[in-house]
Amino acid sequence: MYLLSPSVLNRISVRPTSIEKEIFPEMAKAGELYAFVLPGFWMDVGQPKDFLTGLNFYKIFLLGQISIHWGGLRIVTFIIGMRLYLKHLRNKFPWMLAQGDYIQGNVIVDESAVIGRDCRIGPNVVIGPRVRVENGVCLRQCTVLSDSVLSSHSWVNSSIVGRKCSIGKWVRIENTCVIGDDVVVNDELYLNGARVLPHKAITTNVPEPDIIM
């Protein structure tokens, strides 16, 4: 993270310029570059998957449950962080977790969400505002963001479903899929490790990890 004086702009030529490779070395030689170690936790979250990873590493950091190893950052850490966060809620704020015969383990369900009959939710699931989960849906190790619909008998495991998505009937989503906002997944499809950009319509299976643009 950089905090720069406006005078730094005077050092930048009107051409493609690398601040890190060209400007900062000059400032260091002139004794004009300083560092300050911030307490706590910081991470570059310029990409969506990094944001998810960082969010949950931050939760882990707050809980003090594990040390942070920078070399192995992967999106799967989102699931790990969510699990630890939900465990923390179970220990400290159990009333925040959902209750019911269909709940397995630690689960958060927003009060505005609607859950159908014969569902299996959990462990380690977060369901956001105004989500509609139809009959017979199975959710494990996943997050479903606001205003999404999961049609009957769909299965989501170890994945993230964005806002305003429509997941069809008998769909299977697993292996750290990341579904962007406003995505439609047709009935009876299989998504394995798919990264789906927003506003897409998925009409065929994604049997191997892939980016859908």
N, C-alpha and C. Protein backbone atom coordinates (compact mmCIF):
# COMPACT_ATOMS: atom_id res chain seq x y z
N MET A 1 0.85 -1.18 0.00
CA MET A 1 0.00 0.00 0.00
C MET A 1 0.89 1.24 0.00
N TYR A 2 0.60 2.17 -0.91
CA TYR A 2 1.42 3.37 -1.05
C TYR A 2 0.63 4.61 -0.63
N LEU A 3 1.28 5.50 0.11
CA LEU A 3 0.75 6.84 0.39
C LEU A 3 1.72 7.83 -0.23
N LEU A 4 1.28 8.56 -1.25
CA LEU A 4 2.17 9.40 -2.03
C LEU A 4 1.76 10.87 -1.94
N SER A 5 2.75 11.74 -1.86
CA SER A 5 2.51 13.18 -1.95
C SER A 5 2.19 13.54 -3.40
N PRO A 6 1.34 14.53 -3.64
CA PRO A 6 1.06 14.96 -5.02
C PRO A 6 2.31 15.33 -5.80
N SER A 7 3.37 15.72 -5.11
CA SER A 7 4.61 16.11 -5.81
C SER A 7 5.24 14.94 -6.56
N VAL A 8 4.88 13.72 -6.18
CA VAL A 8 5.42 12.55 -6.90
C VAL A 8 5.00 12.58 -8.36
N LEU A 9 3.84 13.15 -8.65
CA LEU A 9 3.37 13.21 -10.04
C LEU A 9 4.34 13.97 -10.93
N ASN A 10 5.09 14.89 -10.36
CA ASN A 10 6.06 15.66 -11.15
C ASN A 10 7.21 14.79 -11.64
N ARG A 11 7.41 13.65 -11.00
CA ARG A 11 8.48 12.74 -11.40
C ARG A 11 8.08 11.83 -12.56
N ILE A 12 6.80 11.76 -12.85
CA ILE A 12 6.30 10.79 -13.84
C ILE A 12 6.24 11.45 -15.21
N SER A 13 6.95 10.87 -16.16
CA SER A 13 6.95 11.39 -17.53
C SER A 13 5.64 11.04 -18.22
N VAL A 14 5.34 11.76 -19.31
CA VAL A 14 4.13 11.51 -20.08
C VAL A 14 4.41 10.36 -21.05
N ARG A 15 4.53 9.18 -20.50
CA ARG A 15 4.78 7.95 -21.25
C ARG A 15 4.49 6.79 -20.30
N PRO A 16 4.36 5.59 -20.82
CA PRO A 16 4.18 4.45 -19.91
C PRO A 16 5.33 4.37 -18.91
N THR A 17 5.01 4.43 -17.63
CA THR A 17 6.03 4.49 -16.58
C THR A 17 5.68 3.52 -15.46
N SER A 18 6.67 2.80 -14.99
CA SER A 18 6.50 1.91 -13.85
C SER A 18 6.92 2.65 -12.58
N ILE A 19 5.97 2.88 -11.69
CA ILE A 19 6.30 3.56 -10.43
C ILE A 19 7.28 2.71 -9.62
N GLU A 20 7.02 1.40 -9.56
CA GLU A 20 7.86 0.53 -8.75
C GLU A 20 9.29 0.42 -9.30
N LYS A 21 9.44 0.36 -10.63
CA LYS A 21 10.75 0.11 -11.22
C LYS A 21 11.52 1.39 -11.55
N GLU A 22 10.83 2.50 -11.76
CA GLU A 22 11.50 3.73 -12.18
C GLU A 22 11.44 4.84 -11.13
N ILE A 23 10.27 5.10 -10.59
CA ILE A 23 10.11 6.25 -9.70
C ILE A 23 10.63 5.94 -8.29
N PHE A 24 10.22 4.79 -7.75
CA PHE A 24 10.63 4.47 -6.38
C PHE A 24 12.15 4.36 -6.21
N PRO A 25 12.89 3.73 -7.15
CA PRO A 25 14.35 3.71 -6.99
C PRO A 25 14.97 5.10 -6.92
N GLU A 26 14.46 6.04 -7.72
CA GLU A 26 14.97 7.42 -7.67
C GLU A 26 14.67 8.06 -6.31
N MET A 27 13.47 7.83 -5.80
CA MET A 27 13.11 8.39 -4.50
C MET A 27 13.95 7.79 -3.38
N ALA A 28 14.23 6.49 -3.49
CA ALA A 28 15.06 5.83 -2.47
C ALA A 28 16.47 6.42 -2.46
N LYS A 29 17.04 6.66 -3.64
CA LYS A 29 18.38 7.25 -3.72
C LYS A 29 18.40 8.65 -3.11
N ALA A 30 17.30 9.38 -3.26
CA ALA A 30 17.23 10.74 -2.73
C ALA A 30 16.81 10.78 -1.26
N GLY A 31 16.61 9.61 -0.68
CA GLY A 31 16.19 9.56 0.73
C GLY A 31 14.77 10.03 0.95
N GLU A 32 13.90 9.86 -0.04
CA GLU A 32 12.53 10.35 0.05
C GLU A 32 11.50 9.22 0.13
N LEU A 33 11.98 8.01 0.37
CA LEU A 33 11.09 6.86 0.43
C LEU A 33 11.14 6.28 1.85
N TYR A 34 9.98 6.10 2.45
CA TYR A 34 9.91 5.65 3.84
C TYR A 34 8.94 4.47 3.94
N ALA A 35 9.08 3.72 5.02
CA ALA A 35 8.20 2.58 5.28
C ALA A 35 7.67 2.65 6.69
N PHE A 36 6.44 2.18 6.85
CA PHE A 36 5.83 2.12 8.17
C PHE A 36 5.12 0.78 8.30
N VAL A 37 5.44 0.03 9.33
CA VAL A 37 4.84 -1.28 9.54
C VAL A 37 3.52 -1.10 10.28
N LEU A 38 2.43 -1.49 9.62
CA LEU A 38 1.11 -1.38 10.23
C LEU A 38 0.84 -2.59 11.11
N PRO A 39 0.22 -2.39 12.26
CA PRO A 39 -0.19 -3.54 13.06
C PRO A 39 -1.39 -4.22 12.40
N GLY A 40 -1.53 -5.50 12.66
CA GLY A 40 -2.70 -6.19 12.15
C GLY A 40 -2.45 -6.91 10.84
N PHE A 41 -3.43 -6.87 9.95
CA PHE A 41 -3.43 -7.72 8.76
C PHE A 41 -3.67 -6.87 7.52
N TRP A 42 -2.91 -7.16 6.46
CA TRP A 42 -3.09 -6.46 5.19
C TRP A 42 -2.79 -7.42 4.05
N MET A 43 -3.52 -7.27 2.95
CA MET A 43 -3.29 -8.10 1.77
C MET A 43 -3.79 -7.37 0.55
N ASP A 44 -3.11 -7.54 -0.57
CA ASP A 44 -3.56 -6.99 -1.85
C ASP A 44 -4.79 -7.76 -2.31
N VAL A 45 -5.90 -7.07 -2.51
CA VAL A 45 -7.15 -7.73 -2.90
C VAL A 45 -7.69 -7.13 -4.19
N GLY A 46 -6.81 -6.92 -5.16
CA GLY A 46 -7.21 -6.31 -6.41
C GLY A 46 -8.05 -7.20 -7.31
N GLN A 47 -7.99 -8.52 -7.11
CA GLN A 47 -8.77 -9.45 -7.92
C GLN A 47 -9.86 -10.08 -7.05
N PRO A 48 -11.00 -10.45 -7.67
CA PRO A 48 -12.09 -11.02 -6.86
C PRO A 48 -11.69 -12.21 -6.01
N LYS A 49 -10.93 -13.15 -6.58
CA LYS A 49 -10.55 -14.32 -5.79
C LYS A 49 -9.62 -13.93 -4.65
N ASP A 50 -8.79 -12.89 -4.88
CA ASP A 50 -7.92 -12.42 -3.80
C ASP A 50 -8.73 -11.75 -2.70
N PHE A 51 -9.81 -11.06 -3.09
CA PHE A 51 -10.69 -10.46 -2.09
C PHE A 51 -11.28 -11.54 -1.20
N LEU A 52 -11.78 -12.62 -1.81
CA LEU A 52 -12.37 -13.70 -1.02
C LEU A 52 -11.33 -14.34 -0.12
N THR A 53 -10.14 -14.59 -0.69
CA THR A 53 -9.07 -15.17 0.11
C THR A 53 -8.70 -14.24 1.26
N GLY A 54 -8.53 -12.96 0.95
CA GLY A 54 -8.14 -12.00 1.98
C GLY A 54 -9.18 -11.85 3.07
N LEU A 55 -10.44 -11.82 2.67
CA LEU A 55 -11.52 -11.69 3.65
C LEU A 55 -11.46 -12.80 4.68
N ASN A 56 -11.22 -14.00 4.20
CA ASN A 56 -11.26 -15.13 5.11
C ASN A 56 -9.94 -15.35 5.83
N PHE A 57 -8.82 -14.96 5.21
CA PHE A 57 -7.59 -14.93 5.98
C PHE A 57 -7.71 -13.92 7.12
N TYR A 58 -8.42 -12.82 6.87
CA TYR A 58 -8.61 -11.83 7.93
C TYR A 58 -9.42 -12.42 9.08
N LYS A 59 -10.45 -13.17 8.73
CA LYS A 59 -11.22 -13.84 9.78
C LYS A 59 -10.32 -14.79 10.58
N ILE A 60 -9.49 -15.56 9.84
CA ILE A 60 -8.58 -16.48 10.51
C ILE A 60 -7.62 -15.71 11.40
N PHE A 61 -7.11 -14.61 10.88
CA PHE A 61 -6.18 -13.77 11.64
C PHE A 61 -6.82 -13.29 12.94
N LEU A 62 -8.07 -12.83 12.86
CA LEU A 62 -8.76 -12.36 14.05
C LEU A 62 -8.95 -13.47 15.06
N LEU A 63 -9.25 -14.64 14.58
CA LEU A 63 -9.49 -15.76 15.48
C LEU A 63 -8.21 -16.29 16.10
N GLY A 64 -7.07 -16.02 15.44
CA GLY A 64 -5.80 -16.52 15.95
C GLY A 64 -5.70 -18.03 15.92
N GLN A 65 -6.39 -18.67 14.97
CA GLN A 65 -6.45 -20.12 14.96
C GLN A 65 -5.26 -20.75 14.25
N ILE A 66 -4.76 -20.11 13.17
CA ILE A 66 -3.66 -20.70 12.43
C ILE A 66 -2.71 -19.61 12.00
N SER A 67 -1.49 -19.99 11.66
CA SER A 67 -0.54 -19.02 11.13
C SER A 67 -0.81 -18.83 9.64
N ILE A 68 -0.27 -17.74 9.07
CA ILE A 68 -0.52 -17.41 7.67
C ILE A 68 0.70 -17.75 6.84
N HIS A 69 0.54 -18.57 5.82
CA HIS A 69 1.63 -18.97 4.93
C HIS A 69 1.36 -18.35 3.57
N TRP A 70 2.14 -17.34 3.20
CA TRP A 70 1.83 -16.54 2.01
C TRP A 70 2.04 -17.31 0.72
N GLY A 71 2.89 -18.36 0.73
CA GLY A 71 3.20 -19.02 -0.53
C GLY A 71 2.06 -19.80 -1.12
N GLY A 72 1.06 -20.17 -0.33
CA GLY A 72 0.04 -21.07 -0.82
C GLY A 72 -1.35 -20.48 -0.88
N LEU A 73 -1.47 -19.20 -1.18
CA LEU A 73 -2.79 -18.59 -1.23
C LEU A 73 -3.59 -19.17 -2.39
N ARG A 74 -4.74 -19.73 -2.10
CA ARG A 74 -5.63 -20.27 -3.12
C ARG A 74 -7.06 -19.95 -2.71
N ILE A 75 -7.94 -20.03 -3.68
CA ILE A 75 -9.34 -19.69 -3.38
C ILE A 75 -9.95 -20.66 -2.38
N VAL A 76 -9.40 -21.87 -2.30
CA VAL A 76 -9.93 -22.84 -1.35
C VAL A 76 -9.82 -22.33 0.08
N THR A 77 -8.92 -21.37 0.34
CA THR A 77 -8.81 -20.82 1.69
C THR A 77 -10.08 -20.08 2.10
N PHE A 78 -10.88 -19.66 1.13
CA PHE A 78 -12.18 -19.07 1.46
C PHE A 78 -13.03 -20.05 2.26
N ILE A 79 -13.04 -21.30 1.82
CA ILE A 79 -13.82 -22.32 2.52
C ILE A 79 -13.26 -22.56 3.91
N ILE A 80 -11.94 -22.62 4.01
CA ILE A 80 -11.30 -22.83 5.31
C ILE A 80 -11.65 -21.70 6.26
N GLY A 81 -11.53 -20.46 5.76
CA GLY A 81 -11.82 -19.31 6.60
C GLY A 81 -13.27 -19.27 7.05
N MET A 82 -14.18 -19.59 6.13
CA MET A 82 -15.59 -19.61 6.47
C MET A 82 -15.86 -20.62 7.57
N ARG A 83 -15.24 -21.78 7.46
CA ARG A 83 -15.44 -22.83 8.46
C ARG A 83 -14.99 -22.35 9.84
N LEU A 84 -13.82 -21.71 9.90
CA LEU A 84 -13.31 -21.22 11.18
C LEU A 84 -14.20 -20.11 11.74
N TYR A 85 -14.68 -19.24 10.85
CA TYR A 85 -15.55 -18.15 11.30
C TYR A 85 -16.85 -18.69 11.89
N LEU A 86 -17.43 -19.68 11.22
CA LEU A 86 -18.68 -20.26 11.72
C LEU A 86 -18.44 -20.99 13.04
N LYS A 87 -17.29 -21.63 13.15
CA LYS A 87 -16.96 -22.28 14.42
C LYS A 87 -16.84 -21.25 15.53
N HIS A 88 -16.27 -20.10 15.19
CA HIS A 88 -16.17 -19.01 16.16
C HIS A 88 -17.56 -18.55 16.61
N LEU A 89 -18.49 -18.42 15.65
CA LEU A 89 -19.85 -18.03 16.02
C LEU A 89 -20.50 -19.08 16.91
N ARG A 90 -20.26 -20.35 16.60
CA ARG A 90 -20.82 -21.42 17.43
C ARG A 90 -20.36 -21.29 18.88
N ASN A 91 -19.10 -20.94 19.06
CA ASN A 91 -18.55 -20.85 20.41
C ASN A 91 -18.95 -19.57 21.14
N LYS A 92 -19.06 -18.45 20.39
CA LYS A 92 -19.26 -17.16 21.03
C LYS A 92 -20.68 -16.60 20.88
N PHE A 93 -21.29 -16.82 19.71
CA PHE A 93 -22.60 -16.24 19.43
C PHE A 93 -23.51 -17.30 18.78
N PRO A 94 -23.82 -18.37 19.49
CA PRO A 94 -24.56 -19.48 18.88
C PRO A 94 -25.94 -19.08 18.36
N TRP A 95 -26.53 -18.02 18.92
CA TRP A 95 -27.86 -17.59 18.47
C TRP A 95 -27.85 -17.03 17.05
N MET A 96 -26.68 -16.74 16.53
CA MET A 96 -26.58 -16.23 15.16
C MET A 96 -26.67 -17.34 14.12
N LEU A 97 -26.55 -18.58 14.55
CA LEU A 97 -26.56 -19.71 13.63
C LEU A 97 -27.97 -20.26 13.46
N ALA A 98 -28.22 -20.81 12.27
CA ALA A 98 -29.55 -21.34 11.95
C ALA A 98 -29.81 -22.63 12.72
N GLN A 99 -31.09 -22.87 12.99
CA GLN A 99 -31.53 -24.08 13.67
C GLN A 99 -32.60 -24.75 12.83
N GLY A 100 -32.70 -26.06 12.95
CA GLY A 100 -33.74 -26.79 12.24
C GLY A 100 -33.28 -28.18 11.88
N ASP A 101 -34.26 -29.04 11.56
CA ASP A 101 -33.94 -30.42 11.22
C ASP A 101 -33.10 -30.52 9.95
N TYR A 102 -33.23 -29.53 9.07
CA TYR A 102 -32.51 -29.58 7.80
C TYR A 102 -31.09 -29.03 7.91
N ILE A 103 -30.72 -28.49 9.08
CA ILE A 103 -29.40 -27.89 9.29
C ILE A 103 -28.42 -28.94 9.80
N GLN A 104 -27.24 -28.97 9.20
CA GLN A 104 -26.17 -29.85 9.65
C GLN A 104 -24.93 -29.00 9.94
N GLY A 105 -24.49 -28.97 11.19
CA GLY A 105 -23.31 -28.20 11.53
C GLY A 105 -23.60 -26.71 11.60
N ASN A 106 -22.57 -25.91 11.36
CA ASN A 106 -22.65 -24.46 11.51
C ASN A 106 -23.13 -23.81 10.21
N VAL A 107 -24.24 -23.10 10.29
CA VAL A 107 -24.88 -22.51 9.11
C VAL A 107 -25.45 -21.14 9.49
N ILE A 108 -25.28 -20.15 8.60
CA ILE A 108 -25.95 -18.86 8.74
C ILE A 108 -26.98 -18.73 7.62
N VAL A 109 -28.22 -18.43 7.98
CA VAL A 109 -29.29 -18.19 7.00
C VAL A 109 -29.90 -16.83 7.32
N ASP A 110 -29.84 -15.91 6.38
CA ASP A 110 -30.45 -14.60 6.60
C ASP A 110 -31.94 -14.77 6.85
N GLU A 111 -32.47 -13.92 7.72
CA GLU A 111 -33.88 -14.04 8.10
C GLU A 111 -34.84 -13.83 6.94
N SER A 112 -34.38 -13.18 5.87
CA SER A 112 -35.25 -12.95 4.71
C SER A 112 -35.17 -14.07 3.68
N ALA A 113 -34.27 -15.03 3.87
CA ALA A 113 -34.14 -16.16 2.93
C ALA A 113 -35.30 -17.14 3.14
N VAL A 114 -35.63 -17.87 2.06
CA VAL A 114 -36.71 -18.85 2.11
C VAL A 114 -36.13 -20.22 1.79
N ILE A 115 -36.36 -21.19 2.67
CA ILE A 115 -35.83 -22.54 2.50
C ILE A 115 -36.99 -23.50 2.29
N GLY A 116 -36.92 -24.31 1.22
CA GLY A 116 -37.98 -25.26 0.91
C GLY A 116 -37.94 -26.51 1.77
N ARG A 117 -38.75 -27.48 1.40
CA ARG A 117 -38.85 -28.74 2.14
C ARG A 117 -37.72 -29.69 1.75
N ASP A 118 -37.40 -30.58 2.67
CA ASP A 118 -36.48 -31.70 2.42
C ASP A 118 -35.10 -31.24 1.96
N CYS A 119 -34.67 -30.08 2.42
CA CYS A 119 -33.33 -29.60 2.08
C CYS A 119 -32.31 -30.12 3.10
N ARG A 120 -31.05 -30.13 2.68
CA ARG A 120 -29.94 -30.45 3.58
C ARG A 120 -28.94 -29.30 3.47
N ILE A 121 -28.82 -28.53 4.51
CA ILE A 121 -27.98 -27.33 4.51
C ILE A 121 -26.87 -27.52 5.54
N GLY A 122 -25.63 -27.49 5.08
CA GLY A 122 -24.49 -27.59 5.98
C GLY A 122 -23.70 -28.86 5.77
N PRO A 123 -22.53 -28.89 6.40
CA PRO A 123 -22.01 -27.88 7.32
C PRO A 123 -21.37 -26.71 6.57
N ASN A 124 -21.11 -25.65 7.32
CA ASN A 124 -20.33 -24.50 6.86
C ASN A 124 -20.93 -23.84 5.62
N VAL A 125 -22.15 -23.33 5.78
CA VAL A 125 -22.88 -22.68 4.69
C VAL A 125 -23.33 -21.30 5.16
N VAL A 126 -23.25 -20.32 4.26
CA VAL A 126 -23.79 -18.98 4.50
C VAL A 126 -24.79 -18.66 3.39
N ILE A 127 -26.01 -18.32 3.75
CA ILE A 127 -27.07 -17.99 2.80
C ILE A 127 -27.48 -16.54 3.03
N GLY A 128 -27.37 -15.72 1.99
CA GLY A 128 -27.56 -14.29 2.10
C GLY A 128 -29.01 -13.84 2.03
N PRO A 129 -29.23 -12.53 2.05
CA PRO A 129 -30.58 -11.97 2.05
C PRO A 129 -31.38 -12.33 0.80
N ARG A 130 -32.65 -12.64 1.02
CA ARG A 130 -33.64 -12.85 -0.05
C ARG A 130 -33.28 -14.01 -0.98
N VAL A 131 -32.43 -14.88 -0.55
CA VAL A 131 -32.14 -16.09 -1.32
C VAL A 131 -33.34 -17.04 -1.21
N ARG A 132 -33.67 -17.72 -2.31
CA ARG A 132 -34.73 -18.73 -2.28
C ARG A 132 -34.14 -20.10 -2.60
N VAL A 133 -34.27 -20.99 -1.66
CA VAL A 133 -33.77 -22.36 -1.81
C VAL A 133 -34.98 -23.27 -1.93
N GLU A 134 -35.15 -23.89 -3.08
CA GLU A 134 -36.34 -24.71 -3.31
C GLU A 134 -36.19 -26.11 -2.72
N ASN A 135 -37.20 -26.93 -2.88
CA ASN A 135 -37.26 -28.23 -2.22
C ASN A 135 -36.10 -29.14 -2.63
N GLY A 136 -35.59 -29.89 -1.66
CA GLY A 136 -34.62 -30.94 -1.95
C GLY A 136 -33.23 -30.47 -2.30
N VAL A 137 -32.90 -29.23 -2.03
CA VAL A 137 -31.57 -28.71 -2.35
C VAL A 137 -30.58 -29.14 -1.27
N CYS A 138 -29.35 -29.42 -1.70
CA CYS A 138 -28.27 -29.78 -0.78
C CYS A 138 -27.14 -28.77 -0.91
N LEU A 139 -26.77 -28.13 0.19
CA LEU A 139 -25.70 -27.13 0.21
C LEU A 139 -24.67 -27.52 1.26
N ARG A 140 -23.40 -27.57 0.84
CA ARG A 140 -22.31 -27.90 1.76
C ARG A 140 -21.12 -26.99 1.48
N GLN A 141 -20.48 -26.50 2.52
CA GLN A 141 -19.23 -25.75 2.39
C GLN A 141 -19.34 -24.66 1.32
N CYS A 142 -20.38 -23.84 1.37
CA CYS A 142 -20.58 -22.87 0.29
C CYS A 142 -21.19 -21.58 0.82
N THR A 143 -21.13 -20.56 -0.03
CA THR A 143 -21.77 -19.28 0.25
C THR A 143 -22.68 -18.92 -0.92
N VAL A 144 -23.91 -18.51 -0.62
CA VAL A 144 -24.86 -18.07 -1.64
C VAL A 144 -25.22 -16.62 -1.32
N LEU A 145 -24.89 -15.72 -2.23
CA LEU A 145 -25.11 -14.30 -1.99
C LEU A 145 -26.54 -13.88 -2.32
N SER A 146 -26.86 -12.64 -2.06
CA SER A 146 -28.24 -12.15 -2.01
C SER A 146 -29.00 -12.32 -3.32
N ASP A 147 -30.31 -12.57 -3.17
CA ASP A 147 -31.28 -12.55 -4.28
C ASP A 147 -31.08 -13.67 -5.29
N SER A 148 -30.37 -14.72 -4.93
CA SER A 148 -30.20 -15.85 -5.84
C SER A 148 -31.29 -16.90 -5.59
N VAL A 149 -31.53 -17.71 -6.61
CA VAL A 149 -32.51 -18.79 -6.54
C VAL A 149 -31.82 -20.11 -6.85
N LEU A 150 -31.96 -21.08 -5.96
CA LEU A 150 -31.46 -22.43 -6.20
C LEU A 150 -32.66 -23.34 -6.37
N SER A 151 -32.86 -23.82 -7.60
CA SER A 151 -34.05 -24.60 -7.91
C SER A 151 -33.95 -26.00 -7.31
N SER A 152 -35.06 -26.69 -7.33
CA SER A 152 -35.21 -27.94 -6.59
C SER A 152 -34.16 -28.98 -6.96
N HIS A 153 -33.67 -29.65 -5.92
CA HIS A 153 -32.74 -30.78 -6.03
C HIS A 153 -31.38 -30.40 -6.61
N SER A 154 -31.02 -29.14 -6.56
CA SER A 154 -29.67 -28.75 -6.96
C SER A 154 -28.71 -29.04 -5.80
N TRP A 155 -27.43 -29.13 -6.16
CA TRP A 155 -26.37 -29.47 -5.19
C TRP A 155 -25.24 -28.47 -5.37
N VAL A 156 -24.81 -27.83 -4.28
CA VAL A 156 -23.68 -26.91 -4.32
C VAL A 156 -22.72 -27.29 -3.20
N ASN A 157 -21.47 -27.55 -3.56
CA ASN A 157 -20.47 -27.98 -2.59
C ASN A 157 -19.16 -27.24 -2.83
N SER A 158 -18.58 -26.68 -1.77
CA SER A 158 -17.27 -26.01 -1.84
C SER A 158 -17.23 -24.98 -2.96
N SER A 159 -18.20 -24.10 -3.00
CA SER A 159 -18.31 -23.13 -4.09
C SER A 159 -18.95 -21.83 -3.58
N ILE A 160 -18.93 -20.82 -4.46
CA ILE A 160 -19.51 -19.51 -4.15
C ILE A 160 -20.49 -19.16 -5.26
N VAL A 161 -21.71 -18.82 -4.90
CA VAL A 161 -22.73 -18.40 -5.86
C VAL A 161 -22.98 -16.91 -5.63
N GLY A 162 -22.82 -16.12 -6.69
CA GLY A 162 -22.94 -14.67 -6.59
C GLY A 162 -24.38 -14.20 -6.44
N ARG A 163 -24.56 -12.90 -6.52
CA ARG A 163 -25.87 -12.29 -6.35
C ARG A 163 -26.75 -12.45 -7.59
N LYS A 164 -28.05 -12.57 -7.36
CA LYS A 164 -29.06 -12.59 -8.42
C LYS A 164 -28.81 -13.70 -9.44
N CYS A 165 -28.30 -14.82 -8.97
CA CYS A 165 -28.11 -15.97 -9.86
C CYS A 165 -29.35 -16.85 -9.86
N SER A 166 -29.51 -17.60 -10.93
CA SER A 166 -30.59 -18.58 -11.04
C SER A 166 -29.97 -19.93 -11.36
N ILE A 167 -30.01 -20.84 -10.39
CA ILE A 167 -29.43 -22.17 -10.55
C ILE A 167 -30.57 -23.14 -10.83
N GLY A 168 -30.50 -23.86 -11.93
CA GLY A 168 -31.60 -24.71 -12.37
C GLY A 168 -31.79 -25.96 -11.52
N LYS A 169 -32.81 -26.73 -11.88
CA LYS A 169 -33.12 -27.97 -11.18
C LYS A 169 -32.06 -29.04 -11.47
N TRP A 170 -31.76 -29.84 -10.44
CA TRP A 170 -30.84 -30.97 -10.56
C TRP A 170 -29.45 -30.55 -11.08
N VAL A 171 -29.05 -29.33 -10.77
CA VAL A 171 -27.71 -28.86 -11.12
C VAL A 171 -26.73 -29.30 -10.03
N ARG A 172 -25.52 -29.66 -10.45
CA ARG A 172 -24.46 -30.01 -9.50
C ARG A 172 -23.28 -29.06 -9.69
N ILE A 173 -22.94 -28.33 -8.63
CA ILE A 173 -21.85 -27.35 -8.66
C ILE A 173 -20.87 -27.72 -7.55
N GLU A 174 -19.59 -27.94 -7.91
CA GLU A 174 -18.64 -28.38 -6.89
C GLU A 174 -17.21 -28.02 -7.28
N ASN A 175 -16.28 -28.33 -6.38
CA ASN A 175 -14.85 -28.16 -6.62
C ASN A 175 -14.47 -26.68 -6.78
N THR A 176 -14.86 -25.87 -5.81
CA THR A 176 -14.54 -24.43 -5.75
C THR A 176 -14.94 -23.68 -7.01
N CYS A 177 -16.16 -23.90 -7.46
CA CYS A 177 -16.72 -23.04 -8.51
C CYS A 177 -16.94 -21.63 -7.93
N VAL A 178 -16.76 -20.63 -8.78
CA VAL A 178 -17.08 -19.25 -8.42
C VAL A 178 -18.04 -18.73 -9.48
N ILE A 179 -19.29 -18.53 -9.10
CA ILE A 179 -20.34 -18.11 -10.02
C ILE A 179 -20.56 -16.61 -9.84
N GLY A 180 -20.32 -15.82 -10.88
CA GLY A 180 -20.47 -14.38 -10.80
C GLY A 180 -21.92 -13.95 -10.66
N ASP A 181 -22.12 -12.65 -10.48
CA ASP A 181 -23.47 -12.12 -10.31
C ASP A 181 -24.31 -12.30 -11.58
N ASP A 182 -25.62 -12.51 -11.37
CA ASP A 182 -26.59 -12.53 -12.46
C ASP A 182 -26.27 -13.61 -13.49
N VAL A 183 -25.89 -14.78 -13.01
CA VAL A 183 -25.61 -15.92 -13.89
C VAL A 183 -26.80 -16.87 -13.86
N VAL A 184 -27.16 -17.39 -15.03
CA VAL A 184 -28.22 -18.40 -15.15
C VAL A 184 -27.58 -19.73 -15.51
N VAL A 185 -27.85 -20.75 -14.72
CA VAL A 185 -27.38 -22.10 -15.01
C VAL A 185 -28.59 -22.96 -15.32
N ASN A 186 -28.65 -23.49 -16.53
CA ASN A 186 -29.80 -24.28 -16.95
C ASN A 186 -29.93 -25.57 -16.14
N ASP A 187 -31.10 -26.20 -16.24
CA ASP A 187 -31.37 -27.43 -15.50
C ASP A 187 -30.39 -28.55 -15.86
N GLU A 188 -30.13 -29.41 -14.86
CA GLU A 188 -29.45 -30.70 -15.05
C GLU A 188 -28.03 -30.57 -15.60
N LEU A 189 -27.32 -29.51 -15.21
CA LEU A 189 -25.95 -29.33 -15.66
C LEU A 189 -24.97 -29.62 -14.53
N TYR A 190 -23.73 -29.94 -14.93
CA TYR A 190 -22.65 -30.23 -13.98
C TYR A 190 -21.54 -29.20 -14.17
N LEU A 191 -21.17 -28.50 -13.09
CA LEU A 191 -20.09 -27.52 -13.12
C LEU A 191 -19.01 -27.96 -12.15
N ASN A 192 -17.82 -28.20 -12.68
CA ASN A 192 -16.69 -28.68 -11.89
C ASN A 192 -15.57 -27.64 -11.92
N GLY A 193 -15.41 -26.90 -10.83
CA GLY A 193 -14.32 -25.93 -10.75
C GLY A 193 -14.45 -24.77 -11.72
N ALA A 194 -15.66 -24.42 -12.12
CA ALA A 194 -15.87 -23.35 -13.11
C ALA A 194 -15.75 -21.98 -12.46
N ARG A 195 -15.13 -21.05 -13.19
CA ARG A 195 -15.13 -19.64 -12.82
C ARG A 195 -15.98 -18.92 -13.86
N VAL A 196 -17.18 -18.52 -13.48
CA VAL A 196 -18.15 -17.97 -14.43
C VAL A 196 -18.27 -16.47 -14.20
N LEU A 197 -17.98 -15.70 -15.25
CA LEU A 197 -18.08 -14.25 -15.15
C LEU A 197 -19.54 -13.81 -15.08
N PRO A 198 -19.81 -12.60 -14.57
CA PRO A 198 -21.19 -12.14 -14.40
C PRO A 198 -21.98 -12.10 -15.71
N HIS A 199 -23.30 -12.22 -15.56
CA HIS A 199 -24.28 -12.03 -16.64
C HIS A 199 -24.16 -13.09 -17.74
N LYS A 200 -23.68 -14.28 -17.39
CA LYS A 200 -23.58 -15.36 -18.37
C LYS A 200 -24.75 -16.33 -18.21
N ALA A 201 -25.05 -17.02 -19.30
CA ALA A 201 -26.03 -18.11 -19.27
C ALA A 201 -25.29 -19.40 -19.59
N ILE A 202 -25.32 -20.35 -18.67
CA ILE A 202 -24.61 -21.62 -18.84
C ILE A 202 -25.60 -22.65 -19.35
N THR A 203 -25.33 -23.17 -20.55
CA THR A 203 -26.26 -24.09 -21.20
C THR A 203 -25.67 -25.48 -21.40
N THR A 204 -24.38 -25.65 -21.11
CA THR A 204 -23.74 -26.96 -21.27
C THR A 204 -22.91 -27.27 -20.02
N ASN A 205 -22.57 -28.53 -19.85
CA ASN A 205 -21.76 -28.95 -18.71
C ASN A 205 -20.37 -28.31 -18.77
N VAL A 206 -19.78 -28.13 -17.60
CA VAL A 206 -18.37 -27.72 -17.49
C VAL A 206 -17.68 -28.82 -16.69
N PRO A 207 -17.27 -29.91 -17.37
CA PRO A 207 -16.77 -31.08 -16.65
C PRO A 207 -15.37 -30.93 -16.07
N GLU A 208 -14.59 -29.96 -16.59
CA GLU A 208 -13.25 -29.71 -16.09
C GLU A 208 -13.12 -28.24 -15.70
N PRO A 209 -12.27 -27.92 -14.71
CA PRO A 209 -12.11 -26.52 -14.31
C PRO A 209 -11.81 -25.61 -15.49
N ASP A 210 -12.56 -24.52 -15.61
CA ASP A 210 -12.42 -23.62 -16.76
C ASP A 210 -12.97 -22.25 -16.38
N ILE A 211 -12.58 -21.23 -17.15
CA ILE A 211 -13.10 -19.88 -16.99
C ILE A 211 -14.12 -19.62 -18.09
N ILE A 212 -15.33 -19.26 -17.72
CA ILE A 212 -16.40 -19.01 -18.68
C ILE A 212 -16.58 -17.50 -18.80
N MET A 213 -16.21 -16.95 -19.97
CA MET A 213 -16.22 -15.51 -20.18
C MET A 213 -17.37 -15.12 -21.11
